[in-house]
PDB file of N, CA and C in Angstrom:
ATOM      1  N   MET A   1     231.091  16.397 319.498  1.00  0.00           N
ATOM      2  CA  MET A   1     229.865  15.347 318.904  1.00  0.00           C
ATOM      3  C   MET A   1     228.647  16.392 318.383  1.00  0.00           C
ATOM      4  N   ILE A   2     227.983  15.971 317.726  1.00  0.00           N
ATOM      5  CA  ILE A   2     226.691  16.809 317.366  1.00  0.00           C
ATOM      6  C   ILE A   2     225.545  16.500 318.257  1.00  0.00           C
ATOM      7  N   GLU A   3     225.214  17.879 318.517  1.00  0.00           N
ATOM      8  CA  GLU A   3     223.967  17.888 319.778  1.00  0.00           C
ATOM      9  C   GLU A   3     222.621  16.295 318.915  1.00  0.00           C
ATOM     10  N   GLN A   4     221.749  15.974 319.860  1.00  0.00           N
ATOM     11  CA  GLN A   4     220.934  15.334 319.061  1.00  0.00           C
ATOM     12  C   GLN A   4     219.725  16.479 318.838  1.00  0.00           C
ATOM     13  N   HIS A   5     219.342  16.094 317.798  1.00  0.00           N
ATOM     14  CA  HIS A   5     218.643  17.095 317.077  1.00  0.00           C
ATOM     15  C   HIS A   5     217.419  16.128 315.692  1.00  0.00           C
ATOM     16  N   LYS A   6     216.586  17.060 314.958  1.00  0.00           N
ATOM     17  CA  LYS A   6     216.188  16.569 314.081  1.00  0.00           C
ATOM     18  C   LYS A   6     216.061  17.359 312.624  1.00  0.00           C
ATOM     19  N   HIS A   7     215.279  17.126 312.016  1.00  0.00           N
ATOM     20  CA  HIS A   7     215.684  18.357 310.994  1.00  0.00           C
ATOM     21  C   HIS A   7     213.682  18.531 310.439  1.00  0.00           C
ATOM     22  N   CYS A   8     213.614  19.758 309.964  1.00  0.00           N
ATOM     23  CA  CYS A   8     212.412  20.240 309.721  1.00  0.00           C
ATOM     24  C   CYS A   8     212.252  19.822 308.612  1.00  0.00           C
ATOM     25  N   PRO A   9     210.525  19.650 308.444  1.00  0.00           N
ATOM     26  CA  PRO A   9     210.186  18.307 307.551  1.00  0.00           C
ATOM     27  C   PRO A   9     209.850  19.009 306.217  1.00  0.00           C
ATOM     28  N   LEU A  10     209.791  20.389 306.295  1.00  0.00           N
ATOM     29  CA  LEU A  10     209.349  21.216 304.999  1.00  0.00           C
ATOM     30  C   LEU A  10     210.911  21.510 304.197  1.00  0.00           C
ATOM     31  N   CYS A  11     212.018  22.095 304.999  1.00  0.00           N
ATOM     32  CA  CYS A  11     213.368  22.947 304.746  1.00  0.00           C
ATOM     33  C   CYS A  11     214.181  22.012 304.764  1.00  0.00           C
ATOM     34  N   GLY A  12     213.900  21.127 306.020  1.00  0.00           N
ATOM     35  CA  GLY A  12     215.219  20.088 306.382  1.00  0.00           C
ATOM     36  C   GLY A  12     216.322  20.838 307.057  1.00  0.00           C
ATOM     37  N   LYS A  13     216.149  22.305 307.829  1.00  0.00           N
ATOM     38  CA  LYS A  13     217.041  22.730 308.942  1.00  0.00           C
ATOM     39  C   LYS A  13     216.885  22.030 309.825  1.00  0.00           C
ATOM     40  N   PRO A  14     218.146  22.094 310.671  1.00  0.00           N
ATOM     41  CA  PRO A  14     218.107  21.257 312.482  1.00  0.00           C
ATOM     42  C   PRO A  14     217.141  21.839 313.060  1.00  0.00           C
ATOM     43  N   ILE A  15     216.660  21.304 314.371  1.00  0.00           N
ATOM     44  CA  ILE A  15     215.986  21.972 314.936  1.00  0.00           C
ATOM     45  C   ILE A  15     215.826  20.995 316.267  1.00  0.00           C
ATOM     46  N   PRO A  16     215.586  21.456 317.360  1.00  0.00           N
ATOM     47  CA  PRO A  16     215.452  20.931 318.359  1.00  0.00           C
ATOM     48  C   PRO A  16     214.407  19.482 318.606  1.00  0.00           C
ATOM     49  N   LEU A  17     214.928  18.341 319.174  1.00  0.00           N
ATOM     50  CA  LEU A  17     214.066  17.229 319.402  1.00  0.00           C
ATOM     51  C   LEU A  17     212.731  17.643 319.634  1.00  0.00           C
ATOM     52  N   ASN A  18     212.404  18.519 320.763  1.00  0.00           N
ATOM     53  CA  ASN A  18     210.775  18.550 321.084  1.00  0.00           C
ATOM     54  C   ASN A  18     210.252  20.079 320.286  1.00  0.00           C
ATOM     55  N   GLU A  19     210.808  20.516 318.795  1.00  0.00           N
ATOM     56  CA  GLU A  19     210.021  20.861 318.142  1.00  0.00           C
ATOM     57  C   GLU A  19     209.328  20.244 316.771  1.00  0.00           C
ATOM     58  N   ARG A  20     208.335  20.542 316.103  1.00  0.00           N
ATOM     59  CA  ARG A  20     208.300  20.146 314.920  1.00  0.00           C
ATOM     60  C   ARG A  20     208.412  20.476 313.656  1.00  0.00           C
ATOM     61  N   PHE A  21     208.710  22.099 313.953  1.00  0.00           N
ATOM     62  CA  PHE A  21     208.724  22.863 312.296  1.00  0.00           C
ATOM     63  C   PHE A  21     210.232  24.065 313.127  1.00  0.00           C
ATOM     64  N   CYS A  22     210.448  24.667 312.013  1.00  0.00           N
ATOM     65  CA  CYS A  22     211.934  25.527 312.593  1.00  0.00           C
ATOM     66  C   CYS A  22     211.515  26.633 312.711  1.00  0.00           C
ATOM     67  N   SER A  23     210.009  27.053 311.816  1.00  0.00           N
ATOM     68  CA  SER A  23     209.647  28.603 311.891  1.00  0.00           C
ATOM     69  C   SER A  23     207.955  28.620 311.974  1.00  0.00           C
ATOM     70  N   PRO A  24     207.620  29.933 311.976  1.00  0.00           N
ATOM     71  CA  PRO A  24     205.601  29.671 312.160  1.00  0.00           C
ATOM     72  C   PRO A  24     205.589  29.528 310.962  1.00  0.00           C
ATOM     73  N   SER A  25     206.501  30.010 309.585  1.00  0.00           N
ATOM     74  CA  SER A  25     206.214  30.075 308.266  1.00  0.00           C
ATOM     75  C   SER A  25     206.310  28.487 308.116  1.00  0.00           C
ATOM     76  N   CYS A  26     207.106  27.726 308.208  1.00  0.00           N
ATOM     77  CA  CYS A  26     207.265  26.403 307.692  1.00  0.00           C
ATOM     78  C   CYS A  26     206.033  25.732 308.286  1.00  0.00           C
ATOM     79  N   GLU A  27     205.080  26.154 309.313  1.00  0.00           N
ATOM     80  CA  GLU A  27     204.273  25.547 309.908  1.00  0.00           C
ATOM     81  C   GLU A  27     203.085  25.457 309.724  1.00  0.00           C
ATOM     82  N   GLU A  28     203.271  27.028 308.950  1.00  0.00           N
ATOM     83  CA  GLU A  28     201.542  27.439 308.487  1.00  0.00           C
ATOM     84  C   GLU A  28     201.544  26.622 306.861  1.00  0.00           C
ATOM     85  N   LEU A  29     202.909  26.610 306.333  1.00  0.00           N
ATOM     86  CA  LEU A  29     203.051  25.909 305.240  1.00  0.00           C
ATOM     87  C   LEU A  29     202.700  24.385 305.276  1.00  0.00           C
ATOM     88  N   ALA A  30     202.979  23.959 305.987  1.00  0.00           N
ATOM     89  CA  ALA A  30     202.965  22.478 306.292  1.00  0.00           C
ATOM     90  C   ALA A  30     201.049  22.256 306.581  1.00  0.00           C
ATOM     91  N   LEU A  31     200.464  22.982 307.342  1.00  0.00           N
ATOM     92  CA  LEU A  31     198.710  23.046 307.511  1.00  0.00           C
ATOM     93  C   LEU A  31     198.217  22.834 306.229  1.00  0.00           C
ATOM     94  N   ALA A  32     198.978  24.325 305.636  1.00  0.00           N
ATOM     95  CA  ALA A  32     198.039  24.964 304.114  1.00  0.00           C
ATOM     96  C   ALA A  32     197.987  22.997 303.484  1.00  0.00           C
ATOM     97  N   ASN A  33     200.048  22.601 303.198  1.00  0.00           N
ATOM     98  CA  ASN A  33     199.764  21.571 302.592  1.00  0.00           C
ATOM     99  C   ASN A  33     198.860  20.606 303.149  1.00  0.00           C
ATOM    100  N   GLN A  34     198.545  20.056 304.111  1.00  0.00           N
ATOM    101  CA  GLN A  34     197.759  19.212 304.822  1.00  0.00           C
ATOM    102  C   GLN A  34     196.443  19.483 304.682  1.00  0.00           C
ATOM    103  N   LYS A  35     195.797  20.553 304.329  1.00  0.00           N
ATOM    104  CA  LYS A  35     194.900  20.869 303.669  1.00  0.00           C
ATOM    105  C   LYS A  35     194.249  20.829 302.375  1.00  0.00           C
ATOM    106  N   ARG A  36     195.578  21.247 301.793  1.00  0.00           N
ATOM    107  CA  ARG A  36     195.567  20.625 300.303  1.00  0.00           C
ATOM    108  C   ARG A  36     194.828  19.013 300.278  1.00  0.00           C
ATOM    109  N   VAL A  37     195.968  17.857 300.778  1.00  0.00           N
ATOM    110  CA  VAL A  37     195.981  17.019 300.568  1.00  0.00           C
ATOM    111  C   VAL A  37     194.515  16.270 301.083  1.00  0.00           C
ATOM    112  N   LYS A  38     194.280  16.871 302.302  1.00  0.00           N
ATOM    113  CA  LYS A  38     192.559  16.388 302.441  1.00  0.00           C
ATOM    114  C   LYS A  38     191.819  16.549 301.736  1.00  0.00           C
ATOM    115  N   LYS A  39     191.756  17.722 300.849  1.00  0.00           N
ATOM    116  CA  LYS A  39     190.904  18.304 300.375  1.00  0.00           C
ATOM    117  C   LYS A  39     190.795  17.357 299.421  1.00  0.00           C
ATOM    118  N   THR A  40     192.159  17.265 298.395  1.00  0.00           N
ATOM    119  CA  THR A  40     192.284  16.216 296.957  1.00  0.00           C
ATOM    120  C   THR A  40     191.819  14.980 297.545  1.00  0.00           C
ATOM    121  N   ARG A  41     191.741  14.218 298.603  1.00  0.00           N
ATOM    122  CA  ARG A  41     191.277  12.651 298.749  1.00  0.00           C
ATOM    123  C   ARG A  41     189.957  12.932 298.828  1.00  0.00           C
ATOM    124  N   ARG A  42     189.727  13.555 299.537  1.00  0.00           N
ATOM    125  CA  ARG A  42     188.033  14.080 299.842  1.00  0.00           C
ATOM    126  C   ARG A  42     187.391  13.873 298.334  1.00  0.00           C
ATOM    127  N   MET A  43     188.201  14.846 297.454  1.00  0.00           N
ATOM    128  CA  MET A  43     187.277  14.856 295.847  1.00  0.00           C
ATOM    129  C   MET A  43     187.338  13.256 295.241  1.00  0.00           C
ATOM    130  N   LEU A  44     188.429  12.963 295.498  1.00  0.00           N
ATOM    131  CA  LEU A  44     188.923  11.617 294.918  1.00  0.00           C
ATOM    132  C   LEU A  44     187.802  10.474 295.422  1.00  0.00           C
ATOM    133  N   TYR A  45     187.640  10.380 296.606  1.00  0.00           N
ATOM    134  CA  TYR A  45     186.422   9.727 297.550  1.00  0.00           C
ATOM    135  C   TYR A  45     185.146   9.584 296.687  1.00  0.00           C
ATOM    136  N   VAL A  46     184.611  11.265 296.822  1.00  0.00           N
ATOM    137  CA  VAL A  46     183.378  11.445 296.118  1.00  0.00           C
ATOM    138  C   VAL A  46     183.427  10.700 294.457  1.00  0.00           C
ATOM    139  N   LEU A  47     184.804  11.255 293.929  1.00  0.00           N
ATOM    140  CA  LEU A  47     184.256  10.519 292.343  1.00  0.00           C
ATOM    141  C   LEU A  47     184.620   9.144 292.498  1.00  0.00           C
ATOM    142  N   PHE A  48     184.979   8.487 293.298  1.00  0.00           N
ATOM    143  CA  PHE A  48     185.161   7.054 293.225  1.00  0.00           C
ATOM    144  C   PHE A  48     183.861   6.484 293.519  1.00  0.00           C
ATOM    145  N   ALA A  49     183.174   7.320 294.320  1.00  0.00           N
ATOM    146  CA  ALA A  49     181.541   6.948 294.825  1.00  0.00           C
ATOM    147  C   ALA A  49     180.753   7.579 293.691  1.00  0.00           C
ATOM    148  N   VAL A  50     180.775   8.270 292.991  1.00  0.00           N
ATOM    149  CA  VAL A  50     180.481   8.711 291.606  1.00  0.00           C
ATOM    150  C   VAL A  50     180.594   7.448 290.753  1.00  0.00           C
ATOM    151  N   PHE A  51     181.872   7.553 290.394  1.00  0.00           N
ATOM    152  CA  PHE A  51     181.881   6.243 289.406  1.00  0.00           C
ATOM    153  C   PHE A  51     181.196   4.873 289.647  1.00  0.00           C
ATOM    154  N   ILE A  52     181.066   4.622 290.714  1.00  0.00           N
ATOM    155  CA  ILE A  52     180.574   3.359 291.417  1.00  0.00           C
ATOM    156  C   ILE A  52     178.969   3.402 291.352  1.00  0.00           C
ATOM    157  N   LEU A  53     178.591   4.864 291.700  1.00  0.00           N
ATOM    158  CA  LEU A  53     176.877   4.505 291.443  1.00  0.00           C
ATOM    159  C   LEU A  53     177.161   4.595 290.145  1.00  0.00           C
ATOM    160  N   VAL A  54     177.223   5.365 289.057  1.00  0.00           N
ATOM    161  CA  VAL A  54     177.443   5.263 287.690  1.00  0.00           C
ATOM    162  C   VAL A  54     176.887   3.765 287.061  1.00  0.00           C
ATOM    163  N   TRP A  55     177.915   3.367 287.439  1.00  0.00           N
ATOM    164  CA  TRP A  55     178.604   2.090 286.880  1.00  0.00           C
ATOM    165  C   TRP A  55     177.021   1.247 287.486  1.00  0.00           C
ATOM    166  N   LEU A  56     177.101   1.204 288.542  1.00  0.00           N
ATOM    167  CA  LEU A  56     175.371   0.168 289.058  1.00  0.00           C
ATOM    168  C   LEU A  56     174.068   0.234 288.657  1.00  0.00           C
ATOM    169  N   PHE A  57     174.085   2.207 288.023  1.00  0.00           N
ATOM    170  CA  PHE A  57     173.200   2.153 287.240  1.00  0.00           C
ATOM    171  C   PHE A  57     172.897   1.742 286.203  1.00  0.00           C
ATOM    172  N   PHE A  58     174.204   1.001 285.148  1.00  0.00           N
ATOM    173  CA  PHE A  58     174.306   0.988 283.722  1.00  0.00           C
ATOM    174  C   PHE A  58     174.347  -0.677 284.491  1.00  0.00           C
ATOM    175  N   MET A  59     174.747  -1.319 285.313  1.00  0.00           N
ATOM    176  CA  MET A  59     174.493  -2.847 285.350  1.00  0.00           C
ATOM    177  C   MET A  59     173.245  -2.868 285.764  1.00  0.00           C
ATOM    178  N   LEU A  60     172.289  -1.807 286.879  1.00  0.00           N
ATOM    179  CA  LEU A  60     171.230  -2.829 286.946  1.00  0.00           C
ATOM    180  C   LEU A  60     169.887  -2.153 286.615  1.00  0.00           C
ATOM    181  N   ARG A  61     170.325  -1.440 285.526  1.00  0.00           N
ATOM    182  CA  ARG A  61     169.245  -0.316 284.484  1.00  0.00           C
ATOM    183  C   ARG A  61     168.384  -1.413 284.072  1.00  0.00           C
ATOM    184  N   GLY A  62     169.018  -2.497 283.394  1.00  0.00           N
ATOM    185  CA  GLY A  62     167.677  -3.599 282.651  1.00  0.00           C
ATOM    186  C   GLY A  62     167.331  -4.484 283.779  1.00  0.00           C
ATOM    187  N   GLN A  63     167.233  -4.637 285.058  1.00  0.00           N
ATOM    188  CA  GLN A  63     167.079  -5.550 286.337  1.00  0.00           C
ATOM    189  C   GLN A  63     165.765  -4.175 286.480  1.00  0.00           C
ATOM    190  N   LEU A  64     165.999  -2.766 286.619  1.00  0.00           N
ATOM    191  CA  LEU A  64     165.005  -2.146 287.333  1.00  0.00           C
ATOM    192  C   LEU A  64     163.939  -1.217 286.649  1.00  0.00           C
ATOM    193  N   GLY A  65     164.152  -1.784 285.020  1.00  0.00           N
ATOM    194  CA  GLY A  65     163.169  -1.638 283.767  1.00  0.00           C
ATOM    195  C   GLY A  65     163.293  -0.002 283.209  1.00  0.00           C
ATOM    196  N   PHE A  66     164.671   0.706 283.485  1.00  0.00           N
ATOM    197  CA  PHE A  66     164.706   1.822 282.997  1.00  0.00           C
ATOM    198  C   PHE A  66     165.357   1.754 281.816  1.00  0.00           C
TER     199      PHE A  66
END
């Protein structure tokens, strides 16, 4: 019977249940990927906020006297 195991989220190699990654290089790649996703998400939020501010400016410019 096969031992209890899980797979590395990056490369798919079998690893023990108490470990998250199969190697330090996979862990570094996962950390870099998380940072990239976090940065992209932050940029998306900023872009969305700018879009809302521009939209509000154009909607309210007649009422504000601009």
